[in-house]
Amino acid sequence: MTRKTLFLARLMVGASLALGVIAPIVVTSPALAAAAPGPDVPLKLTVLKVQGNQRVATSDIDAALPFHVGDTVTRAQVNDGLQKVLALYQQKNVGARFGEKTTFVGKTIQVLVSVDEQAAGAAPAASALMLDSVSFTGNSRISSADLSAATQMRAGQTVTDQSVAADETAIQALYKKRGIGAQIQPEATYPHHDNHVVLVYKITETAASKDEDRNKDE
């Protein structure tokens, strides 16, 4: 799987696949936790419940999850496990939307997964990601207007791995043409927890090349 495909897979998490979405809700105990722990902090799993599933057995979901009550897990591992549940529904060709409620109490974690399954024979949920906006950060030597002119994606269009790859290549080409080194990292957020995505290209510019210095002198 290429890096571009992996990026689109990350876009899909929390947005939509052919079957649904996972919309996480994080709850912390105000008396015992001021904020949610970091993604890699080890926590003891004290509660794990799945509710709302009818067409996929709870035993199958439990088998798909790589952790169980009593295990030590991290938030990142919980998220990865929920993607396995989503993949299970995809394998069984059952459309569904998922909600995750995570509660932290001290150094423990409680996870409740709610499933809203589509009726048998219902049309699958739309898999397209709709672009709400695209922007650029970290670009000091090339204006956002120039970067926008060099790329193709605009608000209202469908986001695909091909369109992300094409625009990333176009940005890199513009920097190369200007004689400027740059690293480009696309990142996505989901303001409405649905298939609408906000895309940001984070750019890290490197030292100016000799060609750029000569252009400035001229």
N, C-alpha and C. Protein backbone atom coordinates (compact mmCIF):
# COMPACT_ATOMS: atom_id res chain seq x y z
N MET A 1 0.85 -1.20 0.00
CA MET A 1 0.00 0.00 0.00
C MET A 1 0.88 1.24 0.00
N THR A 2 0.67 2.18 -0.91
CA THR A 2 1.49 3.37 -1.01
C THR A 2 1.16 4.35 0.09
N ARG A 3 2.06 5.35 0.30
CA ARG A 3 1.82 6.36 1.32
C ARG A 3 0.57 7.15 0.98
N LYS A 4 0.32 7.40 -0.31
CA LYS A 4 -0.86 8.15 -0.70
C LYS A 4 -2.12 7.37 -0.33
N THR A 5 -2.10 6.02 -0.57
CA THR A 5 -3.26 5.21 -0.23
C THR A 5 -3.48 5.17 1.27
N LEU A 6 -2.36 5.10 2.02
CA LEU A 6 -2.47 5.13 3.47
C LEU A 6 -3.07 6.45 3.93
N PHE A 7 -2.69 7.56 3.25
CA PHE A 7 -3.25 8.86 3.63
C PHE A 7 -4.75 8.88 3.42
N LEU A 8 -5.21 8.36 2.28
CA LEU A 8 -6.65 8.34 2.04
C LEU A 8 -7.35 7.44 3.04
N ALA A 9 -6.69 6.34 3.42
CA ALA A 9 -7.28 5.48 4.45
C ALA A 9 -7.45 6.25 5.74
N ARG A 10 -6.48 7.13 6.07
CA ARG A 10 -6.61 7.95 7.26
C ARG A 10 -7.74 8.96 7.09
N LEU A 11 -7.93 9.45 5.87
CA LEU A 11 -9.05 10.34 5.62
C LEU A 11 -10.37 9.63 5.89
N MET A 12 -10.43 8.35 5.52
CA MET A 12 -11.67 7.61 5.66
C MET A 12 -12.03 7.36 7.11
N VAL A 13 -11.03 7.24 7.99
CA VAL A 13 -11.31 6.98 9.39
C VAL A 13 -12.07 8.16 9.97
N GLY A 14 -13.24 7.90 10.50
CA GLY A 14 -14.06 8.97 11.05
C GLY A 14 -14.89 9.66 10.00
N ALA A 15 -14.68 9.35 8.73
CA ALA A 15 -15.53 9.88 7.66
C ALA A 15 -16.39 8.71 7.20
N SER A 16 -16.37 8.38 5.91
CA SER A 16 -17.23 7.28 5.48
C SER A 16 -16.46 6.29 4.65
N LEU A 17 -16.82 5.02 4.82
CA LEU A 17 -16.38 3.96 3.93
C LEU A 17 -17.64 3.51 3.21
N ALA A 18 -17.59 2.30 2.65
CA ALA A 18 -18.78 1.80 1.98
C ALA A 18 -19.85 1.43 2.99
N LEU A 19 -19.51 1.55 4.30
CA LEU A 19 -20.46 1.07 5.29
C LEU A 19 -20.80 2.06 6.36
N GLY A 20 -20.02 3.05 6.65
CA GLY A 20 -20.41 3.94 7.72
C GLY A 20 -19.28 4.73 8.29
N VAL A 21 -19.47 5.25 9.52
CA VAL A 21 -18.49 6.10 10.14
C VAL A 21 -18.29 5.73 11.59
N ILE A 22 -17.13 6.12 12.13
CA ILE A 22 -16.90 6.06 13.56
C ILE A 22 -16.74 7.48 14.04
N ALA A 23 -17.61 7.92 14.92
CA ALA A 23 -17.56 9.28 15.44
C ALA A 23 -17.23 9.22 16.93
N PRO A 24 -15.95 9.40 17.30
CA PRO A 24 -15.58 9.22 18.70
C PRO A 24 -16.09 10.34 19.59
N ILE A 25 -16.52 9.96 20.81
CA ILE A 25 -16.91 10.92 21.84
C ILE A 25 -16.07 10.60 23.06
N VAL A 26 -15.24 11.52 23.49
CA VAL A 26 -14.35 11.28 24.61
C VAL A 26 -14.94 11.92 25.85
N VAL A 27 -15.06 11.16 26.94
CA VAL A 27 -15.59 11.65 28.20
C VAL A 27 -14.58 11.38 29.29
N THR A 28 -14.21 12.36 30.08
CA THR A 28 -13.30 12.15 31.18
C THR A 28 -14.03 12.42 32.49
N SER A 29 -13.66 11.72 33.53
CA SER A 29 -14.24 11.96 34.84
C SER A 29 -13.67 13.24 35.40
N PRO A 30 -14.48 14.29 35.61
CA PRO A 30 -13.94 15.57 36.06
C PRO A 30 -13.27 15.48 37.41
N ALA A 31 -13.67 14.50 38.22
CA ALA A 31 -13.08 14.40 39.56
C ALA A 31 -11.71 13.74 39.53
N LEU A 32 -11.48 12.88 38.53
CA LEU A 32 -10.26 12.10 38.52
C LEU A 32 -9.35 12.37 37.34
N ALA A 33 -9.84 13.08 36.32
CA ALA A 33 -9.01 13.33 35.14
C ALA A 33 -9.34 14.69 34.58
N ALA A 34 -8.30 15.54 34.46
CA ALA A 34 -8.52 16.88 33.94
C ALA A 34 -8.62 16.88 32.43
N ALA A 35 -7.98 15.91 31.78
CA ALA A 35 -8.00 15.86 30.32
C ALA A 35 -7.77 14.42 29.89
N ALA A 36 -8.13 14.12 28.65
CA ALA A 36 -7.91 12.78 28.13
C ALA A 36 -6.42 12.51 28.05
N PRO A 37 -5.98 11.28 28.38
CA PRO A 37 -4.55 10.96 28.28
C PRO A 37 -4.09 10.94 26.84
N GLY A 38 -2.78 10.96 26.66
CA GLY A 38 -2.22 10.94 25.32
C GLY A 38 -2.52 9.63 24.61
N PRO A 39 -2.32 9.58 23.29
CA PRO A 39 -2.69 8.39 22.51
C PRO A 39 -1.89 7.15 22.84
N ASP A 40 -0.71 7.30 23.46
CA ASP A 40 0.15 6.15 23.73
C ASP A 40 0.31 5.87 25.22
N VAL A 41 -0.53 6.48 26.06
CA VAL A 41 -0.48 6.25 27.50
C VAL A 41 -1.16 4.91 27.82
N PRO A 42 -0.47 3.99 28.53
CA PRO A 42 -1.10 2.70 28.85
C PRO A 42 -2.23 2.87 29.87
N LEU A 43 -3.36 2.22 29.59
CA LEU A 43 -4.54 2.30 30.45
C LEU A 43 -5.14 0.91 30.59
N LYS A 44 -5.74 0.63 31.73
CA LYS A 44 -6.40 -0.65 31.93
C LYS A 44 -7.84 -0.57 31.42
N LEU A 45 -8.20 -1.49 30.55
CA LEU A 45 -9.55 -1.53 29.99
C LEU A 45 -10.48 -2.20 30.99
N THR A 46 -11.39 -1.43 31.57
CA THR A 46 -12.30 -1.97 32.60
C THR A 46 -13.69 -2.25 32.06
N VAL A 47 -14.09 -1.57 31.00
CA VAL A 47 -15.42 -1.78 30.42
C VAL A 47 -15.30 -1.77 28.90
N LEU A 48 -15.90 -2.75 28.25
CA LEU A 48 -15.96 -2.79 26.79
C LEU A 48 -17.33 -3.34 26.41
N LYS A 49 -18.18 -2.47 25.86
CA LYS A 49 -19.54 -2.86 25.50
C LYS A 49 -19.83 -2.48 24.05
N VAL A 50 -20.55 -3.35 23.38
CA VAL A 50 -21.02 -3.10 22.02
C VAL A 50 -22.54 -3.22 22.05
N GLN A 51 -23.22 -2.20 21.55
CA GLN A 51 -24.68 -2.23 21.56
C GLN A 51 -25.24 -1.79 20.21
N GLY A 52 -26.43 -2.28 19.90
CA GLY A 52 -27.11 -1.90 18.66
C GLY A 52 -26.89 -2.85 17.51
N ASN A 53 -25.93 -3.78 17.65
CA ASN A 53 -25.66 -4.71 16.56
C ASN A 53 -26.68 -5.84 16.55
N GLN A 54 -27.19 -6.15 15.38
CA GLN A 54 -28.15 -7.24 15.22
C GLN A 54 -27.75 -8.20 14.11
N ARG A 55 -27.26 -7.63 13.01
CA ARG A 55 -26.92 -8.47 11.85
C ARG A 55 -25.51 -9.06 11.96
N VAL A 56 -24.70 -8.50 12.83
CA VAL A 56 -23.37 -9.06 13.10
C VAL A 56 -23.32 -9.43 14.57
N ALA A 57 -23.00 -10.68 14.85
CA ALA A 57 -23.03 -11.18 16.22
C ALA A 57 -21.98 -10.50 17.09
N THR A 58 -22.33 -10.31 18.37
CA THR A 58 -21.39 -9.72 19.32
C THR A 58 -20.14 -10.58 19.44
N SER A 59 -20.31 -11.90 19.36
CA SER A 59 -19.15 -12.80 19.45
C SER A 59 -18.17 -12.56 18.30
N ASP A 60 -18.70 -12.26 17.11
CA ASP A 60 -17.84 -11.97 15.96
C ASP A 60 -17.10 -10.65 16.17
N ILE A 61 -17.80 -9.67 16.73
CA ILE A 61 -17.17 -8.38 16.99
C ILE A 61 -16.08 -8.54 18.05
N ASP A 62 -16.38 -9.30 19.12
CA ASP A 62 -15.39 -9.55 20.16
C ASP A 62 -14.15 -10.23 19.59
N ALA A 63 -14.38 -11.17 18.66
CA ALA A 63 -13.26 -11.89 18.05
C ALA A 63 -12.41 -10.98 17.17
N ALA A 64 -13.04 -9.96 16.59
CA ALA A 64 -12.31 -9.04 15.70
C ALA A 64 -11.46 -8.06 16.51
N LEU A 65 -11.90 -7.78 17.73
CA LEU A 65 -11.16 -6.83 18.56
C LEU A 65 -9.91 -7.49 19.13
N PRO A 66 -8.75 -6.82 19.06
CA PRO A 66 -7.49 -7.41 19.55
C PRO A 66 -7.26 -7.19 21.04
N PHE A 67 -8.30 -6.77 21.77
CA PHE A 67 -8.16 -6.54 23.21
C PHE A 67 -9.48 -6.88 23.89
N HIS A 68 -9.41 -7.09 25.21
CA HIS A 68 -10.59 -7.44 25.98
C HIS A 68 -10.49 -6.82 27.37
N VAL A 69 -11.56 -6.87 28.11
CA VAL A 69 -11.58 -6.29 29.45
C VAL A 69 -10.46 -6.91 30.28
N GLY A 70 -9.72 -6.05 30.98
CA GLY A 70 -8.59 -6.50 31.78
C GLY A 70 -7.25 -6.26 31.12
N ASP A 71 -7.26 -6.06 29.79
CA ASP A 71 -6.01 -5.80 29.08
C ASP A 71 -5.54 -4.38 29.32
N THR A 72 -4.24 -4.17 29.13
CA THR A 72 -3.68 -2.82 29.12
C THR A 72 -3.61 -2.34 27.68
N VAL A 73 -4.23 -1.20 27.41
CA VAL A 73 -4.32 -0.68 26.04
C VAL A 73 -3.98 0.80 26.03
N THR A 74 -3.81 1.33 24.84
CA THR A 74 -3.66 2.77 24.65
C THR A 74 -4.83 3.28 23.81
N ARG A 75 -5.03 4.58 23.79
CA ARG A 75 -6.09 5.13 22.95
C ARG A 75 -5.86 4.79 21.49
N ALA A 76 -4.59 4.80 21.06
CA ALA A 76 -4.28 4.47 19.67
C ALA A 76 -4.67 3.03 19.36
N GLN A 77 -4.41 2.10 20.31
CA GLN A 77 -4.78 0.71 20.09
C GLN A 77 -6.30 0.52 20.05
N VAL A 78 -7.01 1.29 20.87
CA VAL A 78 -8.47 1.23 20.84
C VAL A 78 -8.99 1.68 19.48
N ASN A 79 -8.44 2.77 18.97
CA ASN A 79 -8.86 3.26 17.65
C ASN A 79 -8.57 2.23 16.56
N ASP A 80 -7.39 1.60 16.62
CA ASP A 80 -7.05 0.57 15.64
C ASP A 80 -8.02 -0.60 15.72
N GLY A 81 -8.39 -0.98 16.96
CA GLY A 81 -9.32 -2.08 17.14
C GLY A 81 -10.68 -1.78 16.55
N LEU A 82 -11.14 -0.54 16.71
CA LEU A 82 -12.44 -0.16 16.15
C LEU A 82 -12.43 -0.20 14.63
N GLN A 83 -11.28 0.07 14.03
CA GLN A 83 -11.20 -0.05 12.58
C GLN A 83 -11.34 -1.51 12.14
N LYS A 84 -10.92 -2.45 12.99
CA LYS A 84 -11.09 -3.87 12.68
C LYS A 84 -12.58 -4.24 12.71
N VAL A 85 -13.33 -3.62 13.61
CA VAL A 85 -14.78 -3.85 13.63
C VAL A 85 -15.40 -3.31 12.36
N LEU A 86 -14.97 -2.12 11.97
CA LEU A 86 -15.48 -1.53 10.74
C LEU A 86 -15.17 -2.44 9.54
N ALA A 87 -13.94 -3.01 9.51
CA ALA A 87 -13.56 -3.92 8.43
C ALA A 87 -14.40 -5.19 8.46
N LEU A 88 -14.75 -5.66 9.67
CA LEU A 88 -15.60 -6.84 9.78
C LEU A 88 -16.95 -6.59 9.14
N TYR A 89 -17.56 -5.45 9.39
CA TYR A 89 -18.84 -5.11 8.78
C TYR A 89 -18.70 -5.04 7.26
N GLN A 90 -17.57 -4.51 6.80
CA GLN A 90 -17.36 -4.43 5.36
C GLN A 90 -17.27 -5.83 4.75
N GLN A 91 -16.56 -6.74 5.43
CA GLN A 91 -16.43 -8.11 4.94
C GLN A 91 -17.79 -8.80 4.86
N LYS A 92 -18.66 -8.50 5.80
CA LYS A 92 -19.98 -9.13 5.84
C LYS A 92 -21.00 -8.36 4.98
N ASN A 93 -20.52 -7.26 4.35
CA ASN A 93 -21.38 -6.46 3.48
C ASN A 93 -22.60 -5.93 4.21
N VAL A 94 -22.38 -5.49 5.44
CA VAL A 94 -23.45 -4.91 6.26
C VAL A 94 -23.13 -3.43 6.47
N GLY A 95 -24.02 -2.57 6.01
CA GLY A 95 -23.81 -1.14 6.20
C GLY A 95 -24.14 -0.73 7.63
N ALA A 96 -23.35 0.20 8.17
CA ALA A 96 -23.58 0.64 9.55
C ALA A 96 -22.85 1.95 9.81
N ARG A 97 -23.36 2.65 10.83
CA ARG A 97 -22.67 3.82 11.35
C ARG A 97 -22.29 3.50 12.80
N PHE A 98 -21.13 3.97 13.22
CA PHE A 98 -20.60 3.63 14.53
C PHE A 98 -20.40 4.88 15.37
N GLY A 99 -20.64 4.74 16.65
CA GLY A 99 -20.32 5.80 17.59
C GLY A 99 -19.49 5.22 18.72
N GLU A 100 -18.47 5.93 19.16
CA GLU A 100 -17.60 5.46 20.22
C GLU A 100 -17.62 6.45 21.37
N LYS A 101 -17.95 5.97 22.56
CA LYS A 101 -17.90 6.80 23.76
C LYS A 101 -16.82 6.25 24.67
N THR A 102 -15.81 7.06 24.94
CA THR A 102 -14.67 6.63 25.74
C THR A 102 -14.62 7.43 27.03
N THR A 103 -14.57 6.73 28.15
CA THR A 103 -14.53 7.38 29.46
C THR A 103 -13.23 7.02 30.16
N PHE A 104 -12.59 8.03 30.76
CA PHE A 104 -11.33 7.82 31.47
C PHE A 104 -11.56 8.08 32.96
N VAL A 105 -11.14 7.13 33.77
CA VAL A 105 -11.20 7.28 35.22
C VAL A 105 -9.83 6.89 35.76
N GLY A 106 -9.07 7.88 36.22
CA GLY A 106 -7.71 7.59 36.66
C GLY A 106 -6.90 7.02 35.52
N LYS A 107 -6.32 5.84 35.74
CA LYS A 107 -5.51 5.18 34.71
C LYS A 107 -6.27 4.04 34.06
N THR A 108 -7.61 4.19 34.01
CA THR A 108 -8.45 3.17 33.36
C THR A 108 -9.23 3.79 32.22
N ILE A 109 -9.71 2.92 31.34
CA ILE A 109 -10.48 3.38 30.19
C ILE A 109 -11.72 2.50 30.04
N GLN A 110 -12.84 3.12 29.71
CA GLN A 110 -14.09 2.42 29.45
C GLN A 110 -14.55 2.77 28.04
N VAL A 111 -14.90 1.77 27.27
CA VAL A 111 -15.25 1.99 25.86
C VAL A 111 -16.65 1.43 25.59
N LEU A 112 -17.49 2.27 25.04
CA LEU A 112 -18.83 1.87 24.60
C LEU A 112 -18.94 2.14 23.11
N VAL A 113 -19.22 1.10 22.34
CA VAL A 113 -19.37 1.23 20.89
C VAL A 113 -20.84 1.02 20.54
N SER A 114 -21.44 2.01 19.93
CA SER A 114 -22.84 1.89 19.49
C SER A 114 -22.88 1.70 17.98
N VAL A 115 -23.73 0.81 17.54
CA VAL A 115 -23.82 0.46 16.12
C VAL A 115 -25.23 0.76 15.63
N ASP A 116 -25.31 1.49 14.52
CA ASP A 116 -26.58 1.77 13.86
C ASP A 116 -26.54 1.09 12.50
N GLU A 117 -27.07 -0.13 12.44
CA GLU A 117 -26.97 -0.91 11.22
C GLU A 117 -28.04 -0.50 10.20
N GLN A 118 -27.67 -0.61 8.93
CA GLN A 118 -28.64 -0.40 7.87
C GLN A 118 -29.52 -1.65 7.75
N ALA A 119 -30.74 -1.43 7.33
CA ALA A 119 -31.62 -2.58 7.11
C ALA A 119 -31.11 -3.41 5.95
N ALA A 120 -31.39 -4.70 5.99
CA ALA A 120 -30.96 -5.59 4.89
C ALA A 120 -31.51 -5.10 3.57
N GLY A 121 -30.66 -5.03 2.58
CA GLY A 121 -31.08 -4.59 1.26
C GLY A 121 -31.04 -3.10 1.07
N ALA A 122 -30.72 -2.35 2.14
CA ALA A 122 -30.64 -0.89 1.99
C ALA A 122 -29.43 -0.53 1.17
N ALA A 123 -29.53 0.61 0.51
CA ALA A 123 -28.41 1.07 -0.30
C ALA A 123 -27.23 1.39 0.61
N PRO A 124 -26.00 1.05 0.22
CA PRO A 124 -24.84 1.34 1.05
C PRO A 124 -24.63 2.83 1.19
N ALA A 125 -24.04 3.21 2.32
CA ALA A 125 -23.74 4.63 2.54
C ALA A 125 -22.75 5.13 1.51
N ALA A 126 -22.88 6.38 1.16
CA ALA A 126 -21.97 6.97 0.17
C ALA A 126 -20.55 6.93 0.70
N SER A 127 -19.60 6.56 -0.18
CA SER A 127 -18.21 6.44 0.23
C SER A 127 -17.40 7.68 -0.10
N ALA A 128 -17.97 8.61 -0.84
CA ALA A 128 -17.21 9.77 -1.29
C ALA A 128 -16.94 10.73 -0.14
N LEU A 129 -15.75 11.31 -0.15
CA LEU A 129 -15.39 12.37 0.79
C LEU A 129 -15.55 13.70 0.09
N MET A 130 -16.33 14.59 0.68
CA MET A 130 -16.58 15.90 0.09
C MET A 130 -15.64 16.92 0.71
N LEU A 131 -14.96 17.69 -0.12
CA LEU A 131 -13.99 18.68 0.35
C LEU A 131 -14.71 19.98 0.73
N ASP A 132 -14.59 20.36 2.02
CA ASP A 132 -15.15 21.63 2.48
C ASP A 132 -14.20 22.78 2.20
N SER A 133 -12.90 22.55 2.41
CA SER A 133 -11.91 23.60 2.14
C SER A 133 -10.53 22.98 2.06
N VAL A 134 -9.63 23.68 1.38
CA VAL A 134 -8.23 23.26 1.30
C VAL A 134 -7.37 24.49 1.54
N SER A 135 -6.33 24.33 2.35
CA SER A 135 -5.46 25.47 2.66
C SER A 135 -4.02 24.99 2.80
N PHE A 136 -3.13 25.95 3.00
CA PHE A 136 -1.70 25.67 3.09
C PHE A 136 -1.13 26.38 4.31
N THR A 137 -0.22 25.70 5.01
CA THR A 137 0.46 26.33 6.14
C THR A 137 1.96 26.08 6.01
N GLY A 138 2.75 26.99 6.58
CA GLY A 138 4.20 26.84 6.56
C GLY A 138 4.85 27.38 5.30
N ASN A 139 4.05 27.87 4.37
CA ASN A 139 4.59 28.38 3.10
C ASN A 139 4.89 29.87 3.22
N SER A 140 6.17 30.21 3.38
CA SER A 140 6.57 31.62 3.48
C SER A 140 7.20 32.13 2.19
N ARG A 141 7.72 31.23 1.36
CA ARG A 141 8.41 31.66 0.14
C ARG A 141 7.54 31.58 -1.11
N ILE A 142 6.44 30.84 -1.01
CA ILE A 142 5.49 30.79 -2.12
C ILE A 142 4.12 31.08 -1.53
N SER A 143 3.39 32.00 -2.12
CA SER A 143 2.11 32.43 -1.57
C SER A 143 1.06 31.33 -1.70
N SER A 144 0.06 31.38 -0.82
CA SER A 144 -1.05 30.43 -0.90
C SER A 144 -1.81 30.57 -2.20
N ALA A 145 -1.86 31.81 -2.72
CA ALA A 145 -2.54 32.04 -3.99
C ALA A 145 -1.84 31.29 -5.12
N ASP A 146 -0.50 31.32 -5.12
CA ASP A 146 0.24 30.60 -6.15
C ASP A 146 0.08 29.09 -6.01
N LEU A 147 0.07 28.63 -4.76
CA LEU A 147 -0.11 27.20 -4.53
C LEU A 147 -1.51 26.76 -4.96
N SER A 148 -2.50 27.58 -4.67
CA SER A 148 -3.86 27.26 -5.08
C SER A 148 -3.98 27.21 -6.60
N ALA A 149 -3.30 28.13 -7.27
CA ALA A 149 -3.34 28.17 -8.73
C ALA A 149 -2.68 26.94 -9.34
N ALA A 150 -1.71 26.37 -8.62
CA ALA A 150 -0.97 25.23 -9.14
C ALA A 150 -1.70 23.90 -8.90
N THR A 151 -2.68 23.90 -7.99
CA THR A 151 -3.39 22.68 -7.64
C THR A 151 -4.80 22.68 -8.23
N GLN A 152 -5.45 21.53 -8.13
CA GLN A 152 -6.75 21.36 -8.80
C GLN A 152 -7.94 21.26 -7.85
N MET A 153 -7.74 20.76 -6.63
CA MET A 153 -8.88 20.51 -5.76
C MET A 153 -9.47 21.81 -5.22
N ARG A 154 -10.80 21.87 -5.21
CA ARG A 154 -11.53 23.03 -4.72
C ARG A 154 -12.68 22.56 -3.84
N ALA A 155 -13.16 23.44 -3.00
CA ALA A 155 -14.28 23.12 -2.11
C ALA A 155 -15.47 22.62 -2.93
N GLY A 156 -16.12 21.58 -2.45
CA GLY A 156 -17.27 21.01 -3.14
C GLY A 156 -16.93 19.81 -3.99
N GLN A 157 -15.64 19.58 -4.23
CA GLN A 157 -15.23 18.45 -5.04
C GLN A 157 -15.04 17.21 -4.17
N THR A 158 -15.01 16.05 -4.82
CA THR A 158 -14.77 14.78 -4.14
C THR A 158 -13.27 14.57 -3.96
N VAL A 159 -12.88 14.14 -2.76
CA VAL A 159 -11.47 13.88 -2.47
C VAL A 159 -11.18 12.41 -2.72
N THR A 160 -10.14 12.13 -3.50
CA THR A 160 -9.69 10.76 -3.74
C THR A 160 -8.19 10.70 -3.49
N ASP A 161 -7.65 9.47 -3.41
CA ASP A 161 -6.21 9.35 -3.24
C ASP A 161 -5.48 9.92 -4.46
N GLN A 162 -6.10 9.78 -5.64
CA GLN A 162 -5.47 10.31 -6.85
C GLN A 162 -5.41 11.84 -6.84
N SER A 163 -6.50 12.48 -6.37
CA SER A 163 -6.51 13.94 -6.36
C SER A 163 -5.54 14.49 -5.32
N VAL A 164 -5.43 13.81 -4.18
CA VAL A 164 -4.46 14.24 -3.16
C VAL A 164 -3.04 14.08 -3.71
N ALA A 165 -2.77 12.94 -4.34
CA ALA A 165 -1.43 12.69 -4.89
C ALA A 165 -1.09 13.70 -5.98
N ALA A 166 -2.06 14.01 -6.84
CA ALA A 166 -1.81 14.95 -7.93
C ALA A 166 -1.49 16.34 -7.42
N ASP A 167 -2.25 16.80 -6.42
CA ASP A 167 -1.99 18.14 -5.89
C ASP A 167 -0.69 18.19 -5.09
N GLU A 168 -0.38 17.12 -4.39
CA GLU A 168 0.89 17.09 -3.66
C GLU A 168 2.06 17.14 -4.64
N THR A 169 1.93 16.42 -5.75
CA THR A 169 2.97 16.44 -6.78
C THR A 169 3.09 17.83 -7.40
N ALA A 170 1.93 18.50 -7.61
CA ALA A 170 1.94 19.83 -8.19
C ALA A 170 2.62 20.84 -7.26
N ILE A 171 2.36 20.72 -5.96
CA ILE A 171 3.01 21.62 -5.00
C ILE A 171 4.52 21.40 -5.00
N GLN A 172 4.92 20.13 -5.00
CA GLN A 172 6.35 19.81 -5.01
C GLN A 172 7.02 20.34 -6.28
N ALA A 173 6.32 20.22 -7.41
CA ALA A 173 6.87 20.69 -8.67
C ALA A 173 7.05 22.20 -8.67
N LEU A 174 6.10 22.93 -8.08
CA LEU A 174 6.21 24.38 -8.02
C LEU A 174 7.40 24.80 -7.16
N TYR A 175 7.58 24.12 -6.04
CA TYR A 175 8.74 24.43 -5.19
C TYR A 175 10.05 24.12 -5.92
N LYS A 176 10.08 23.01 -6.64
CA LYS A 176 11.28 22.66 -7.39
C LYS A 176 11.57 23.69 -8.47
N LYS A 177 10.49 24.15 -9.13
CA LYS A 177 10.65 25.16 -10.18
C LYS A 177 11.22 26.46 -9.62
N ARG A 178 10.81 26.81 -8.39
CA ARG A 178 11.30 28.03 -7.75
C ARG A 178 12.67 27.82 -7.09
N GLY A 179 13.19 26.58 -7.13
CA GLY A 179 14.48 26.30 -6.54
C GLY A 179 14.46 26.25 -5.03
N ILE A 180 13.33 25.83 -4.46
CA ILE A 180 13.16 25.79 -3.01
C ILE A 180 12.86 24.35 -2.60
N GLY A 181 13.56 23.87 -1.59
CA GLY A 181 13.28 22.54 -1.07
C GLY A 181 12.07 22.59 -0.15
N ALA A 182 11.29 21.52 -0.12
CA ALA A 182 10.11 21.51 0.74
C ALA A 182 9.66 20.08 1.00
N GLN A 183 9.13 19.87 2.20
CA GLN A 183 8.46 18.63 2.55
C GLN A 183 6.98 18.93 2.72
N ILE A 184 6.13 18.08 2.19
CA ILE A 184 4.69 18.34 2.16
C ILE A 184 3.95 17.21 2.86
N GLN A 185 3.08 17.58 3.80
CA GLN A 185 2.29 16.59 4.53
C GLN A 185 0.82 16.99 4.54
N PRO A 186 -0.03 16.27 3.82
CA PRO A 186 -1.47 16.58 3.86
C PRO A 186 -2.09 16.04 5.14
N GLU A 187 -2.97 16.83 5.75
CA GLU A 187 -3.69 16.40 6.94
C GLU A 187 -5.16 16.75 6.78
N ALA A 188 -6.02 15.92 7.37
CA ALA A 188 -7.47 16.10 7.22
C ALA A 188 -8.15 16.14 8.57
N THR A 189 -9.20 16.93 8.67
CA THR A 189 -10.06 16.95 9.85
C THR A 189 -11.51 16.86 9.39
N TYR A 190 -12.39 16.50 10.33
CA TYR A 190 -13.79 16.27 9.99
C TYR A 190 -14.66 17.08 10.95
N PRO A 191 -14.97 18.32 10.60
CA PRO A 191 -15.67 19.22 11.53
C PRO A 191 -17.07 18.74 11.91
N HIS A 192 -17.68 17.93 11.08
CA HIS A 192 -19.05 17.50 11.35
C HIS A 192 -19.15 15.99 11.59
N HIS A 193 -18.00 15.30 11.69
CA HIS A 193 -17.98 13.86 11.90
C HIS A 193 -18.77 13.12 10.82
N ASP A 194 -18.70 13.60 9.59
CA ASP A 194 -19.37 12.89 8.52
C ASP A 194 -18.39 12.78 7.35
N ASN A 195 -18.92 12.74 6.12
CA ASN A 195 -18.03 12.57 4.98
C ASN A 195 -17.53 13.89 4.42
N HIS A 196 -17.64 14.97 5.20
CA HIS A 196 -17.07 16.25 4.80
C HIS A 196 -15.70 16.42 5.43
N VAL A 197 -14.73 16.81 4.64
CA VAL A 197 -13.34 16.86 5.11
C VAL A 197 -12.74 18.24 4.84
N VAL A 198 -11.92 18.70 5.78
CA VAL A 198 -11.14 19.92 5.62
C VAL A 198 -9.69 19.48 5.44
N LEU A 199 -9.09 19.87 4.35
CA LEU A 199 -7.75 19.42 3.98
C LEU A 199 -6.74 20.56 4.14
N VAL A 200 -5.65 20.28 4.82
CA VAL A 200 -4.57 21.26 5.00
C VAL A 200 -3.26 20.62 4.54
N TYR A 201 -2.54 21.32 3.66
CA TYR A 201 -1.21 20.89 3.27
C TYR A 201 -0.20 21.59 4.16
N LYS A 202 0.46 20.83 5.03
CA LYS A 202 1.48 21.39 5.91
C LYS A 202 2.82 21.30 5.20
N ILE A 203 3.44 22.45 5.01
CA ILE A 203 4.67 22.54 4.22
C ILE A 203 5.82 22.96 5.11
N THR A 204 6.92 22.22 5.03
CA THR A 204 8.15 22.57 5.73
C THR A 204 9.18 22.95 4.68
N GLU A 205 9.47 24.23 4.59
CA GLU A 205 10.42 24.71 3.61
C GLU A 205 11.84 24.55 4.14
N THR A 206 12.76 24.15 3.25
CA THR A 206 14.16 24.00 3.62
C THR A 206 14.95 25.19 3.11
N ALA A 207 16.25 25.17 3.37
CA ALA A 207 17.09 26.30 3.01
C ALA A 207 17.01 26.59 1.52
N ALA A 208 17.10 27.86 1.19
CA ALA A 208 17.03 28.29 -0.22
C ALA A 208 18.20 27.71 -0.99
N SER A 209 17.94 27.30 -2.22
CA SER A 209 19.00 26.77 -3.07
C SER A 209 19.79 27.91 -3.69
N LYS A 210 20.92 27.55 -4.32
CA LYS A 210 21.74 28.56 -4.98
C LYS A 210 20.97 29.25 -6.09
N ASP A 211 20.09 28.48 -6.79
CA ASP A 211 19.31 29.09 -7.86
C ASP A 211 18.38 30.17 -7.31
N GLU A 212 17.77 29.91 -6.14
CA GLU A 212 16.88 30.91 -5.56
C GLU A 212 17.67 32.14 -5.15
N ASP A 213 18.87 31.95 -4.58
CA ASP A 213 19.69 33.08 -4.18
C ASP A 213 20.06 33.93 -5.39
N ARG A 214 20.40 33.27 -6.50
CA ARG A 214 20.75 34.02 -7.71
C ARG A 214 19.56 34.80 -8.23
N ASN A 215 18.37 34.19 -8.17
CA ASN A 215 17.17 34.89 -8.63
C ASN A 215 16.91 36.14 -7.82
N LYS A 216 17.14 36.05 -6.48
CA LYS A 216 16.93 37.22 -5.64
C LYS A 216 17.92 38.32 -5.96
N ASP A 217 19.18 37.91 -6.22
CA ASP A 217 20.21 38.91 -6.53
C ASP A 217 19.91 39.62 -7.84
N GLU A 218 19.32 38.88 -8.79
CA GLU A 218 19.00 39.49 -10.08
C GLU A 218 17.80 40.43 -9.95
